[in-house]
Amino acid sequence: MAAGCTGNSQREIEEISSQIRSILELPTFEHIYRDVVFLDRERSFLIFKTMDAELLFAINVRIQAGIDLRDGFSVVRTRRQGLTVQLPPAKILLADADEESIEQYFLKQVGGEISRLEYYDEINFKKEELIADAVARGILQRAGENARLLVQSFLENARGEPVTVVVAEGTAR
């Protein structure tokens, strides 16, 4: 949490740490994807097709990234450099499929149905693909930079002194 300081009280560091916690409880960057999902299920017995089901639908998936303060951070005051805040690396905080956004385009069910479990398994699989895409597109870097700017601006305005904020490197997921 808070590291020791020279010349000022631990109370000041604890107050600053509390201020940081209050502003970083929210994600600092997000992507919203509209993805099309196709499910195709077939079953056969010997040479006879006993089930043929197809489903095509679209869904919105929200991917949010930011700083998780449970990973720890530090606030240090030094005489030369002033206030320095060290934040953990940005990571994916949320991958949520918006069920209300589902738009079904096509459904064919002969000899059986696609179960709810298969439906949600496919959505969860898509979430993992979309997380990988968001990471490849730089969501973690953007979230880290936004967190750095947010904390720095907030503390400089609140305290009236220069603040250095460093976000640790890493690809936490």
Protein backbone atom coordinates (compact mmCIF):
# COMPACT_ATOMS: atom_id res chain seq x y z
CA MET A 1 0.00 0.00 0.00
CA ALA A 2 1.80 3.13 1.19
CA ALA A 3 5.54 3.30 1.51
CA GLY A 4 7.38 5.33 4.11
CA CYS A 5 8.31 8.96 3.61
CA THR A 6 10.99 11.35 4.76
CA GLY A 7 10.13 14.63 6.44
CA ASN A 8 6.32 14.27 6.42
CA SER A 9 3.88 12.22 8.41
CA GLN A 10 2.53 8.81 7.53
CA ARG A 11 -0.92 10.39 7.87
CA GLU A 12 -0.34 12.49 4.73
CA ILE A 13 0.69 9.38 2.76
CA GLU A 14 -2.38 7.51 4.01
CA GLU A 15 -4.62 10.42 2.99
CA ILE A 16 -3.11 10.47 -0.51
CA SER A 17 -3.47 6.68 -0.78
CA SER A 18 -7.13 6.99 0.19
CA GLN A 19 -7.66 9.65 -2.50
CA ILE A 20 -6.07 7.40 -5.12
CA ARG A 21 -8.26 4.44 -4.11
CA SER A 22 -11.38 6.57 -4.44
CA ILE A 23 -10.68 7.59 -8.05
CA LEU A 24 -9.36 4.30 -9.38
CA GLU A 25 -12.29 2.11 -8.53
CA LEU A 26 -13.49 2.60 -12.10
CA PRO A 27 -12.03 1.22 -15.33
CA THR A 28 -9.96 3.71 -17.32
CA PHE A 29 -10.56 2.38 -20.86
CA GLU A 30 -13.10 0.18 -22.60
CA HIS A 31 -13.96 -1.34 -25.96
CA ILE A 32 -17.48 -2.35 -26.92
CA TYR A 33 -17.60 -5.01 -29.59
CA ARG A 34 -20.58 -6.02 -31.71
CA ASP A 35 -19.84 -9.62 -32.65
CA VAL A 36 -21.71 -12.11 -34.81
CA VAL A 37 -21.84 -15.69 -33.50
CA PHE A 38 -22.72 -18.81 -35.48
CA LEU A 39 -23.55 -22.13 -33.81
CA ASP A 40 -23.89 -25.31 -35.84
CA ARG A 41 -24.80 -28.59 -34.13
CA GLU A 42 -25.34 -31.93 -35.86
CA ARG A 43 -25.89 -35.42 -34.53
CA SER A 44 -26.07 -38.63 -36.50
CA PHE A 45 -26.94 -42.22 -35.80
CA LEU A 46 -25.26 -44.53 -38.29
CA ILE A 47 -25.81 -42.66 -41.57
CA PHE A 48 -28.97 -40.83 -40.53
CA LYS A 49 -28.87 -37.23 -39.35
CA THR A 50 -30.89 -37.07 -36.11
CA MET A 51 -30.31 -33.40 -35.32
CA ASP A 52 -29.42 -30.38 -37.39
CA ALA A 53 -29.45 -27.02 -35.61
CA GLU A 54 -28.01 -23.68 -36.67
CA LEU A 55 -28.17 -20.32 -34.97
CA LEU A 56 -26.79 -16.95 -36.09
CA PHE A 57 -26.97 -13.96 -33.74
CA ALA A 58 -25.14 -10.77 -32.82
CA ILE A 59 -24.25 -9.56 -29.33
CA ASN A 60 -22.48 -6.59 -27.74
CA VAL A 61 -19.54 -7.41 -25.48
CA ARG A 62 -17.95 -4.79 -23.21
CA ILE A 63 -14.23 -5.19 -22.43
CA GLN A 64 -12.96 -2.88 -19.68
CA ALA A 65 -9.39 -2.37 -18.51
CA GLY A 66 -7.90 -0.35 -15.71
CA ILE A 67 -5.86 -0.53 -12.56
CA ASP A 68 -6.80 -3.02 -9.85
CA LEU A 69 -5.57 -1.47 -6.62
CA ARG A 70 -5.82 -4.82 -4.84
CA ASP A 71 -2.56 -5.55 -6.69
CA GLY A 72 -0.95 -2.87 -4.51
CA PHE A 73 0.46 0.58 -5.10
CA SER A 74 2.84 2.90 -3.31
CA VAL A 75 3.04 6.58 -2.49
CA VAL A 76 6.44 8.02 -1.57
CA ARG A 77 7.48 11.57 -0.73
CA THR A 78 11.10 12.58 -1.13
CA ARG A 79 12.66 16.00 -0.66
CA ARG A 80 14.12 16.13 -4.17
CA GLN A 81 11.41 14.62 -6.35
CA GLY A 82 8.32 15.46 -4.32
CA LEU A 83 5.47 12.98 -4.53
CA THR A 84 5.84 9.75 -6.50
CA VAL A 85 3.02 7.23 -7.01
CA GLN A 86 3.75 3.72 -8.31
CA LEU A 87 0.70 1.88 -9.75
CA PRO A 88 0.44 -1.78 -10.76
CA PRO A 89 0.09 -2.67 -14.47
CA ALA A 90 -3.27 -2.25 -16.15
CA LYS A 91 -5.32 -5.39 -16.62
CA ILE A 92 -8.65 -6.56 -17.96
CA LEU A 93 -11.25 -5.85 -15.29
CA LEU A 94 -14.43 -6.93 -17.06
CA ALA A 95 -15.65 -8.87 -20.09
CA ASP A 96 -19.42 -8.71 -20.11
CA ALA A 97 -21.88 -9.84 -22.77
CA ASP A 98 -24.99 -7.64 -22.91
CA GLU A 99 -27.80 -10.16 -23.22
CA GLU A 100 -30.29 -7.39 -24.01
CA SER A 101 -28.31 -6.57 -27.16
CA ILE A 102 -28.76 -10.04 -28.68
CA GLU A 103 -30.23 -9.87 -32.15
CA GLN A 104 -31.09 -13.22 -33.72
CA TYR A 105 -30.71 -13.43 -37.49
CA PHE A 106 -31.28 -17.09 -38.24
CA LEU A 107 -32.50 -20.19 -36.38
CA LYS A 108 -32.94 -23.68 -37.79
CA GLN A 109 -33.68 -26.59 -35.46
CA VAL A 110 -34.56 -30.02 -36.83
CA GLY A 111 -34.57 -33.00 -34.50
CA GLY A 112 -33.34 -31.05 -31.47
CA GLU A 113 -32.49 -27.66 -30.06
CA ILE A 114 -29.36 -25.76 -29.20
CA SER A 115 -29.33 -25.71 -25.42
CA ARG A 116 -28.91 -22.60 -23.29
CA LEU A 117 -25.64 -24.08 -22.01
CA GLU A 118 -24.25 -24.38 -25.57
CA TYR A 119 -25.45 -20.86 -26.26
CA TYR A 120 -23.63 -19.40 -23.23
CA ASP A 121 -20.54 -21.54 -23.81
CA GLU A 122 -20.22 -20.01 -27.26
CA ILE A 123 -20.65 -16.48 -25.85
CA ASN A 124 -17.94 -17.17 -23.25
CA PHE A 125 -15.63 -18.49 -25.96
CA LYS A 126 -16.25 -15.29 -27.96
CA LYS A 127 -15.44 -13.19 -24.87
CA GLU A 128 -12.00 -14.78 -24.69
CA GLU A 129 -11.39 -14.03 -28.39
CA LEU A 130 -12.49 -10.43 -27.89
CA ILE A 131 -10.27 -9.99 -24.83
CA ALA A 132 -7.30 -11.20 -26.88
CA ASP A 133 -8.24 -8.76 -29.66
CA ALA A 134 -8.58 -5.84 -27.22
CA VAL A 135 -5.18 -6.63 -25.70
CA ALA A 136 -3.61 -6.84 -29.17
CA ARG A 137 -5.14 -3.44 -30.03
CA GLY A 138 -3.51 -1.84 -26.97
CA ILE A 139 -6.32 -1.62 -24.42
CA LEU A 140 -3.90 -2.25 -21.53
CA GLN A 141 -1.48 0.47 -22.62
CA ARG A 142 -4.31 2.98 -23.05
CA ALA A 143 -5.84 2.09 -19.69
CA GLY A 144 -2.45 2.44 -17.98
CA GLU A 145 -1.78 5.83 -19.58
CA ASN A 146 -5.29 7.05 -18.72
CA ALA A 147 -4.82 5.93 -15.10
CA ARG A 148 -1.45 7.68 -14.94
CA LEU A 149 -2.90 10.95 -16.27
CA LEU A 150 -5.97 10.69 -14.03
CA VAL A 151 -3.98 10.20 -10.83
CA GLN A 152 -1.38 12.80 -11.75
CA SER A 153 -3.96 15.48 -12.65
CA PHE A 154 -6.09 14.73 -9.62
CA LEU A 155 -3.22 14.91 -7.12
CA GLU A 156 -1.56 17.94 -8.72
CA ASN A 157 -4.86 19.86 -8.62
CA ALA A 158 -5.73 18.69 -5.11
CA ARG A 159 -2.27 19.22 -3.63
CA GLY A 160 -0.87 22.07 -5.74
CA GLU A 161 2.50 20.38 -6.25
CA PRO A 162 4.18 18.33 -8.98
CA VAL A 163 3.43 14.61 -8.88
CA THR A 164 5.16 11.77 -10.71
CA VAL A 165 2.99 8.73 -11.45
CA VAL A 166 4.49 5.53 -12.81
CA VAL A 167 2.42 2.58 -14.03
CA ALA A 168 4.34 -0.69 -13.83
CA GLU A 169 5.06 -2.45 -17.08
CA GLY A 170 3.33 -5.73 -17.65
CA THR A 171 0.63 -7.57 -19.50
CA ALA A 172 -1.61 -8.58 -16.64
CA ARG A 173 -4.91 -10.14 -17.72
